[in-house]
Amino acid sequence: MLVTGAGRGIGRATVEGFLDAGWQAVAGVRDVAAARAAYAPRPRLAIVELDVGDRASIATGTAAAHEFAGGALTCVVPNAGYAVVGSSEDVDLDVVRRMFEVNLFGNVDVVQRALPAMREAGRGVVVCTSSIGARLSNPLLGMYHASKYGMMAWAEAMRLELLPFGVRVHVVEPGMVNTDFPAATRATGAVARGEGPYVPLLGQLRTGFRTWREQLGVGAEDVAAAIIASALDDDARFCTPVGPDAVQMTAARAELDDEEFQAWQMRFLGITWGPDPAAP
């Protein structure tokens, strides 16, 4: 099996979880030397350079994974990703395009290279690491959420396409996870310079996210356990929320209309942002 973005966080926890379950695993990482220092040596582990933002790296990395597996991969976990923060008004689209290359198109490329052998073997599973952010959009994170909505649309279509071929597709949707993901988040546009009308909103958002993480965040191992469970269970549901916050948000999204949910979401984050009641 192959996991992208396996150098840290959810990806690394997933590789280690599969190894503990007796699987042979390939960790696709950008920095092989750092990954080798982080992982304990194991005979069933291969660490390969696989940067999902680089098509040449994807080609060589997936080829190495197939060679290590000796044929079709049993499972692929498209997991690599990061976030871009910025207002819809002036977010840097070049930065956004790069994020989409990693979060969506690069992961699609990896899976495309694995599916023919899986289909011909008549077995296999793809478990996409998505986010509860595929069901909602937080302010200033619209482009990140768009990439996760895109992953969901791709995964659902792929699931239906592969029904006759014995290849399953699942999506895991964690809420807030206690990893270094925030450190990889890239601010862009005016808010990155501390300028413009959305700076107060960014401050409130960061405070809300900090509180959210402290009160409801789960560990990377919890997400990895859900990924592994989806891979092992032929009857696993298509989408699995992970964490009490993800379960709560899924229920609220289903029960409330759009306006009610958006108001609930802003209260959840502790954000006060709206029309000035004193304005004419």
Protein backbone atom coordinates (compact mmCIF):
# COMPACT_ATOMS: atom_id res chain seq x y z
CA MET A 1 0.00 0.00 0.00
CA LEU A 2 1.04 3.60 -0.65
CA VAL A 3 0.41 6.77 1.35
CA THR A 4 1.18 10.23 -0.03
CA GLY A 5 2.26 13.03 2.31
CA ALA A 6 3.69 10.38 4.64
CA GLY A 7 6.55 12.39 6.08
CA ARG A 8 4.57 13.61 9.09
CA GLY A 9 1.16 13.94 10.71
CA ILE A 10 -1.72 11.84 9.45
CA GLY A 11 0.32 10.32 6.63
CA ARG A 12 3.07 9.05 8.90
CA ALA A 13 0.57 7.77 11.49
CA THR A 14 -1.26 5.92 8.71
CA VAL A 15 1.88 4.21 7.43
CA GLU A 16 2.85 3.16 10.95
CA GLY A 17 -0.69 1.93 11.62
CA PHE A 18 -0.70 -0.23 8.51
CA LEU A 19 2.70 -1.65 9.44
CA ASP A 20 1.45 -2.47 12.93
CA ALA A 21 -1.50 -4.26 11.30
CA GLY A 22 0.91 -6.47 9.36
CA TRP A 23 0.82 -4.71 5.99
CA GLN A 24 3.68 -3.87 3.69
CA ALA A 25 3.74 -0.08 3.25
CA VAL A 26 5.27 2.56 1.01
CA ALA A 27 5.66 6.05 2.49
CA GLY A 28 5.61 8.68 -0.25
CA VAL A 29 7.51 11.74 1.02
CA ARG A 30 9.22 14.87 -0.28
CA ASP A 31 12.28 14.59 1.96
CA VAL A 32 13.55 11.01 2.06
CA ALA A 33 16.44 11.73 4.43
CA ALA A 34 14.16 13.38 7.01
CA ALA A 35 11.64 10.53 6.74
CA ARG A 36 14.32 7.90 7.24
CA ALA A 37 15.40 9.70 10.39
CA ALA A 38 11.79 9.89 11.64
CA TYR A 39 10.70 6.31 10.91
CA ALA A 40 12.09 3.34 12.81
CA PRO A 41 13.63 0.88 10.29
CA ARG A 42 11.20 -1.89 9.38
CA PRO A 43 11.55 -4.68 6.81
CA ARG A 44 8.08 -4.12 5.37
CA LEU A 45 8.56 -0.35 4.91
CA ALA A 46 9.81 1.45 1.82
CA ILE A 47 10.36 5.21 1.86
CA VAL A 48 10.26 6.75 -1.61
CA GLU A 49 10.53 10.29 -2.90
CA LEU A 50 7.07 11.29 -4.07
CA ASP A 51 6.25 14.99 -4.27
CA VAL A 52 2.63 15.23 -5.43
CA GLY A 53 3.34 18.73 -6.71
CA ASP A 54 5.86 17.36 -9.22
CA ARG A 55 4.67 15.04 -12.02
CA ALA A 56 8.13 13.56 -12.59
CA SER A 57 8.39 12.72 -8.89
CA ILE A 58 4.93 11.15 -9.00
CA ALA A 59 5.97 8.92 -11.91
CA THR A 60 9.16 7.67 -10.28
CA GLY A 61 7.60 7.37 -6.82
CA THR A 62 4.60 5.32 -7.93
CA ALA A 63 6.85 3.12 -10.09
CA ALA A 64 9.01 2.43 -7.02
CA ALA A 65 5.88 1.63 -5.00
CA HIS A 66 4.72 -0.90 -7.60
CA GLU A 67 8.17 -2.47 -7.69
CA PHE A 68 8.21 -2.81 -3.90
CA ALA A 69 4.69 -4.30 -3.94
CA GLY A 70 5.60 -6.71 -6.74
CA GLY A 71 2.52 -5.72 -8.73
CA ALA A 72 -0.81 -4.07 -8.01
CA LEU A 73 -1.06 -1.99 -4.87
CA THR A 74 -3.60 -3.25 -2.36
CA CYS A 75 -4.41 0.24 -1.06
CA VAL A 76 -3.65 3.85 -1.97
CA VAL A 77 -4.17 6.70 0.50
CA PRO A 78 -4.07 10.11 -1.24
CA ASN A 79 -3.29 12.19 1.82
CA ALA A 80 -0.86 15.00 0.92
CA GLY A 81 -2.21 18.51 1.32
CA TYR A 82 -1.99 21.94 2.90
CA ALA A 83 -4.11 25.10 3.19
CA VAL A 84 -4.02 28.62 1.77
CA VAL A 85 -5.56 31.47 3.77
CA GLY A 86 -6.72 34.65 2.09
CA SER A 87 -9.82 36.62 1.26
CA SER A 88 -11.79 35.77 -1.87
CA GLU A 89 -11.25 39.38 -2.90
CA ASP A 90 -7.50 39.18 -3.37
CA VAL A 91 -6.17 35.66 -2.72
CA ASP A 92 -3.13 35.03 -4.93
CA LEU A 93 -4.38 32.67 -7.64
CA ASP A 94 -0.89 31.44 -8.50
CA VAL A 95 -0.52 30.29 -4.89
CA VAL A 96 -3.98 28.72 -5.06
CA ARG A 97 -3.14 26.85 -8.26
CA ARG A 98 -0.08 25.38 -6.58
CA MET A 99 -2.21 24.22 -3.66
CA PHE A 100 -4.68 22.55 -6.02
CA GLU A 101 -1.79 20.76 -7.71
CA VAL A 102 -0.91 19.23 -4.36
CA ASN A 103 -4.31 18.77 -2.70
CA LEU A 104 -6.19 17.49 -5.74
CA PHE A 105 -4.46 17.04 -9.08
CA GLY A 106 -1.27 15.47 -7.71
CA ASN A 107 -3.23 12.99 -5.60
CA VAL A 108 -5.41 12.19 -8.63
CA ASP A 109 -2.25 11.56 -10.67
CA VAL A 110 -0.98 9.07 -8.06
CA VAL A 111 -4.27 7.18 -8.03
CA GLN A 112 -4.50 7.14 -11.82
CA ARG A 113 -1.14 5.37 -11.93
CA ALA A 114 -2.34 2.74 -9.45
CA LEU A 115 -5.85 2.00 -10.72
CA PRO A 116 -5.17 0.01 -13.92
CA ALA A 117 -3.28 -2.70 -12.04
CA MET A 118 -5.87 -2.68 -9.25
CA ARG A 119 -8.72 -3.02 -11.75
CA GLU A 120 -7.00 -5.84 -13.61
CA ALA A 121 -6.31 -7.62 -10.32
CA GLY A 122 -9.97 -7.21 -9.36
CA ARG A 123 -9.18 -5.90 -5.91
CA GLY A 124 -7.94 -2.85 -4.04
CA VAL A 125 -9.07 0.19 -2.11
CA VAL A 126 -8.54 3.93 -2.30
CA VAL A 127 -9.03 5.85 0.95
CA CYS A 128 -8.91 9.63 0.47
CA THR A 129 -7.86 11.80 3.39
CA SER A 130 -10.30 14.67 3.05
CA SER A 131 -11.71 16.94 5.76
CA ILE A 132 -14.97 17.96 7.34
CA GLY A 133 -14.09 21.04 5.30
CA ALA A 134 -15.52 19.21 2.30
CA ARG A 135 -18.97 19.89 3.80
CA LEU A 136 -18.58 23.56 4.80
CA SER A 137 -16.45 26.64 4.12
CA ASN A 138 -14.81 28.73 6.79
CA PRO A 139 -14.17 32.41 6.00
CA LEU A 140 -10.75 33.15 4.45
CA LEU A 141 -10.28 29.45 3.67
CA GLY A 142 -12.58 29.19 0.66
CA MET A 143 -9.86 28.05 -1.73
CA TYR A 144 -8.70 25.29 0.62
CA HIS A 145 -12.28 24.12 1.04
CA ALA A 146 -12.75 24.19 -2.72
CA SER A 147 -9.87 21.73 -3.08
CA LYS A 148 -11.49 19.40 -0.54
CA TYR A 149 -14.92 19.71 -2.18
CA GLY A 150 -13.11 18.76 -5.38
CA MET A 151 -11.60 15.68 -3.77
CA MET A 152 -15.04 14.60 -2.58
CA ALA A 153 -16.56 14.98 -6.06
CA TRP A 154 -13.69 13.03 -7.61
CA ALA A 155 -13.89 10.26 -4.99
CA GLU A 156 -17.64 9.80 -5.38
CA ALA A 157 -17.45 9.57 -9.17
CA MET A 158 -14.50 7.16 -8.91
CA ARG A 159 -16.41 4.99 -6.44
CA LEU A 160 -19.27 4.57 -8.90
CA GLU A 161 -16.97 3.97 -11.86
CA LEU A 162 -15.12 1.17 -10.09
CA LEU A 163 -18.15 -0.73 -8.77
CA PRO A 164 -17.81 -3.62 -11.29
CA PHE A 165 -14.07 -4.07 -10.77
CA GLY A 166 -13.69 -4.97 -7.10
CA VAL A 167 -11.99 -1.69 -6.19
CA ARG A 168 -13.49 0.24 -3.29
CA VAL A 169 -13.28 4.01 -2.68
CA HIS A 170 -13.73 5.71 0.69
CA VAL A 171 -13.27 9.17 2.16
CA VAL A 172 -12.21 9.99 5.71
CA GLU A 173 -13.30 13.41 6.98
CA PRO A 174 -11.46 14.55 10.11
CA GLY A 175 -12.34 17.71 11.93
CA MET A 176 -9.59 19.50 13.86
CA VAL A 177 -6.46 17.35 14.16
CA ASN A 178 -3.56 18.02 16.52
CA THR A 179 -0.72 18.02 13.99
CA ASP A 180 1.59 20.68 12.60
CA PHE A 181 -0.86 21.32 9.72
CA PRO A 182 -1.33 24.97 10.82
CA ALA A 183 2.39 25.58 10.35
CA ALA A 184 2.06 24.50 6.72
CA THR A 185 -0.86 26.88 6.10
CA ARG A 186 0.14 29.72 3.79
CA ALA A 187 -1.36 33.18 4.09
CA THR A 188 -1.68 35.15 0.87
CA GLY A 189 -3.07 38.44 -0.37
CA ALA A 190 -3.42 41.51 1.84
CA VAL A 191 -3.96 39.53 5.06
CA ALA A 192 -0.50 38.00 4.63
CA ARG A 193 0.89 41.53 4.91
CA GLY A 194 -1.36 42.42 7.84
CA GLU A 195 -3.28 44.85 5.62
CA GLY A 196 -6.82 45.40 4.37
CA PRO A 197 -10.35 45.10 5.72
CA TYR A 198 -10.18 41.37 6.49
CA VAL A 199 -7.35 41.49 9.06
CA PRO A 200 -9.81 41.61 12.02
CA LEU A 201 -11.60 38.59 10.60
CA LEU A 202 -8.32 36.68 10.36
CA GLY A 203 -7.59 37.45 14.00
CA GLN A 204 -10.99 36.14 15.08
CA LEU A 205 -10.60 33.07 12.90
CA ARG A 206 -7.23 32.20 14.42
CA THR A 207 -8.62 32.60 17.92
CA GLY A 208 -11.60 30.43 17.04
CA PHE A 209 -9.40 27.74 15.52
CA ARG A 210 -7.11 27.75 18.56
CA THR A 211 -10.05 27.22 20.90
CA TRP A 212 -11.51 24.58 18.59
CA ARG A 213 -8.19 22.68 18.58
CA GLU A 214 -7.79 22.88 22.37
CA GLN A 215 -11.33 21.67 23.08
CA LEU A 216 -12.08 19.15 20.33
CA GLY A 217 -8.89 18.27 18.46
CA VAL A 218 -8.08 14.60 17.90
CA GLY A 219 -4.74 12.93 17.24
CA ALA A 220 -3.29 11.89 13.90
CA GLU A 221 -3.55 8.30 15.15
CA ASP A 222 -7.33 8.64 15.38
CA VAL A 223 -7.54 9.62 11.72
CA ALA A 224 -5.12 6.85 10.75
CA ALA A 225 -7.30 4.32 12.57
CA ALA A 226 -10.33 5.42 10.53
CA ILE A 227 -8.33 5.15 7.29
CA ILE A 228 -7.16 1.64 8.17
CA ALA A 229 -10.68 0.58 9.21
CA SER A 230 -12.04 1.75 5.85
CA ALA A 231 -9.33 -0.20 4.03
CA LEU A 232 -10.00 -3.41 5.96
CA ASP A 233 -13.81 -3.41 6.00
CA ASP A 234 -15.53 -4.39 2.76
CA ASP A 235 -18.74 -2.88 4.14
CA ALA A 236 -17.24 0.42 5.34
CA ARG A 237 -19.32 3.51 4.65
CA PHE A 238 -18.28 5.83 1.87
CA CYS A 239 -17.59 8.83 4.15
CA THR A 240 -16.39 8.57 7.75
CA PRO A 241 -16.25 11.70 9.94
CA VAL A 242 -13.48 11.58 12.54
CA GLY A 243 -13.70 13.46 15.83
CA PRO A 244 -16.59 14.81 17.89
CA ASP A 245 -16.46 18.11 16.02
CA ALA A 246 -16.73 16.40 12.64
CA VAL A 247 -19.71 14.38 13.83
CA GLN A 248 -21.35 17.51 15.24
CA MET A 249 -20.76 19.50 12.05
CA THR A 250 -22.05 16.71 9.84
CA ALA A 251 -25.27 16.58 11.86
CA ALA A 252 -25.68 20.37 11.87
CA ARG A 253 -25.14 20.58 8.12
CA ALA A 254 -27.83 17.92 7.57
CA GLU A 255 -30.36 19.37 9.99
CA LEU A 256 -30.12 23.12 9.31
CA ASP A 257 -30.78 25.12 6.19
CA ASP A 258 -27.84 27.00 4.68
CA GLU A 259 -28.43 30.30 6.46
CA GLU A 260 -29.02 28.60 9.82
CA PHE A 261 -25.90 26.49 9.41
CA GLN A 262 -23.72 29.44 8.48
CA ALA A 263 -24.91 31.33 11.56
CA TRP A 264 -24.26 28.21 13.68
CA GLN A 265 -20.79 27.91 12.19
CA MET A 266 -19.85 31.50 13.03
CA ARG A 267 -21.08 30.99 16.61
CA PHE A 268 -19.06 27.77 16.83
CA LEU A 269 -15.94 29.72 15.86
CA GLY A 270 -16.80 32.66 18.13
CA ILE A 271 -16.70 35.03 15.16
CA THR A 272 -18.66 38.28 15.24
CA TRP A 273 -18.60 39.52 11.67
CA GLY A 274 -21.47 41.04 9.78
CA PRO A 275 -23.30 44.20 8.81
CA ASP A 276 -22.71 47.18 11.03
CA PRO A 277 -26.04 47.73 12.82
CA ALA A 278 -25.27 51.46 12.97
CA ALA A 279 -24.80 51.71 9.20
CA PRO A 280 -27.58 53.48 7.29
